[in-house]
């Protein structure tokens, strides 16, 4: 399960949120992560339209086992398209917060609830 390929669906224009989720996932042992904003590192995206951003995202979603959604993903056209593709491909889609919380060691879950 920890080796599954996980796509984090969030705004590529808000990489900090995606990076925070990725950090939490790595701390839990999930290292095969797809961070959509990293597709465009070092590329001049001036003049890019949503379809320009969507193309690599759609391919990566199709290769993933699981898609995690960040709060507010639906306000981002590219993230919404990625989740729509995931649904069409019958990929498992889970709220990132829920997935992270559910995968924390049990003692860590109980201590935070006290």
Protein backbone atom coordinates (compact mmCIF):
# COMPACT_ATOMS: atom_id res chain seq x y z
CA UNK A 1 0.00 0.00 0.00
CA UNK A 2 2.82 2.44 0.81
CA UNK A 3 4.28 1.98 -2.68
CA UNK A 4 1.11 3.05 -4.49
CA UNK A 5 1.46 6.04 -6.80
CA UNK A 6 -0.44 9.00 -5.32
CA UNK A 7 -1.48 12.13 -7.21
CA UNK A 8 -2.17 15.16 -5.00
CA UNK A 9 -4.94 17.25 -6.58
CA UNK A 10 -4.62 20.90 -5.62
CA UNK A 11 -3.95 24.20 -7.31
CA UNK A 12 -0.67 24.20 -9.21
CA UNK A 13 -0.57 27.90 -8.39
CA UNK A 14 -0.55 27.13 -4.63
CA UNK A 15 2.35 24.69 -4.35
CA UNK A 16 2.76 25.24 -0.60
CA UNK A 17 -0.48 23.38 0.15
CA UNK A 18 0.54 20.49 -2.09
CA UNK A 19 4.02 20.41 -0.53
CA UNK A 20 2.58 20.33 3.01
CA UNK A 21 0.40 17.35 2.12
CA UNK A 22 3.37 15.64 0.45
CA UNK A 23 5.52 16.20 3.55
CA UNK A 24 2.87 14.64 5.79
CA UNK A 25 2.56 11.67 3.41
CA UNK A 26 6.33 11.15 3.29
CA UNK A 27 6.46 11.15 7.11
CA UNK A 28 3.97 8.26 6.95
CA UNK A 29 6.13 6.36 4.45
CA UNK A 30 4.33 7.26 1.22
CA UNK A 31 7.06 8.31 -1.19
CA UNK A 32 5.68 7.62 -4.67
CA UNK A 33 3.97 11.00 -4.95
CA UNK A 34 2.94 13.05 -7.96
CA UNK A 35 2.94 16.80 -7.30
CA UNK A 36 1.39 18.56 -10.30
CA UNK A 37 3.18 21.89 -9.85
CA UNK A 38 6.53 20.10 -10.27
CA UNK A 39 5.69 19.33 -13.92
CA UNK A 40 6.35 22.98 -14.70
CA UNK A 41 9.53 23.61 -12.72
CA UNK A 42 12.01 25.43 -14.92
CA UNK A 43 9.46 25.99 -17.69
CA UNK A 44 8.30 29.45 -18.73
CA UNK A 45 4.53 29.11 -18.31
CA UNK A 46 3.75 32.68 -19.34
CA UNK A 47 0.75 32.55 -21.64
CA UNK A 48 -0.22 29.01 -20.60
CA UNK A 49 -3.91 28.24 -20.73
CA UNK A 50 -5.71 25.62 -18.60
CA UNK A 51 -5.34 22.98 -21.36
CA UNK A 52 -1.57 23.55 -21.35
CA UNK A 53 -1.51 22.73 -17.65
CA UNK A 54 -4.00 19.88 -17.95
CA UNK A 55 -2.13 17.73 -20.47
CA UNK A 56 0.62 16.41 -18.16
CA UNK A 57 -1.80 16.25 -15.22
CA UNK A 58 -4.21 14.01 -17.12
CA UNK A 59 -1.43 11.62 -18.12
CA UNK A 60 -0.12 11.42 -14.56
CA UNK A 61 -3.59 10.83 -13.09
CA UNK A 62 -4.09 7.94 -15.48
CA UNK A 63 -0.85 6.35 -14.17
CA UNK A 64 -1.73 6.80 -10.47
CA UNK A 65 -3.34 4.35 -8.07
CA UNK A 66 -4.91 6.98 -5.84
CA UNK A 67 -5.87 10.66 -6.07
CA UNK A 68 -5.90 12.76 -2.92
CA UNK A 69 -7.84 16.01 -3.01
CA UNK A 70 -6.90 19.11 -1.07
CA UNK A 71 -9.52 21.43 0.38
CA UNK A 72 -10.74 23.81 -2.31
CA UNK A 73 -9.43 21.76 -5.24
CA UNK A 74 -12.75 22.40 -7.00
CA UNK A 75 -11.89 26.11 -7.31
CA UNK A 76 -8.96 25.22 -9.57
CA UNK A 77 -9.81 24.28 -13.14
CA UNK A 78 -6.81 22.00 -13.60
CA UNK A 79 -7.28 20.16 -10.28
CA UNK A 80 -10.98 19.73 -11.06
CA UNK A 81 -10.12 18.26 -14.46
CA UNK A 82 -7.64 15.87 -12.84
CA UNK A 83 -10.29 14.64 -10.39
CA UNK A 84 -12.84 14.31 -13.21
CA UNK A 85 -10.39 12.15 -15.17
CA UNK A 86 -9.72 10.09 -12.04
CA UNK A 87 -13.47 9.50 -11.63
CA UNK A 88 -13.82 8.49 -15.28
CA UNK A 89 -10.95 6.04 -14.87
CA UNK A 90 -12.50 4.72 -11.63
CA UNK A 91 -9.47 5.69 -9.57
CA UNK A 92 -9.80 5.81 -5.81
CA UNK A 93 -10.29 9.45 -4.72
CA UNK A 94 -9.94 10.45 -1.06
CA UNK A 95 -9.72 13.73 0.83
CA UNK A 96 -6.03 14.23 1.62
CA UNK A 97 -6.70 15.18 5.25
CA UNK A 98 -8.78 12.04 5.82
CA UNK A 99 -6.19 9.79 4.15
CA UNK A 100 -3.34 11.26 6.21
CA UNK A 101 -5.34 11.04 9.45
CA UNK A 102 -6.45 7.46 8.74
CA UNK A 103 -2.85 6.38 8.06
CA UNK A 104 -1.28 7.86 11.18
CA UNK A 105 -0.20 5.30 13.76
CA UNK A 106 -3.09 4.49 16.12
CA UNK A 107 -1.39 5.88 19.23
CA UNK A 108 -0.83 9.17 17.42
CA UNK A 109 -4.55 9.35 16.46
CA UNK A 110 -5.65 8.73 20.06
CA UNK A 111 -3.23 11.18 21.66
CA UNK A 112 -4.45 14.03 19.45
CA UNK A 113 -8.08 13.27 20.33
CA UNK A 114 -7.49 13.56 24.08
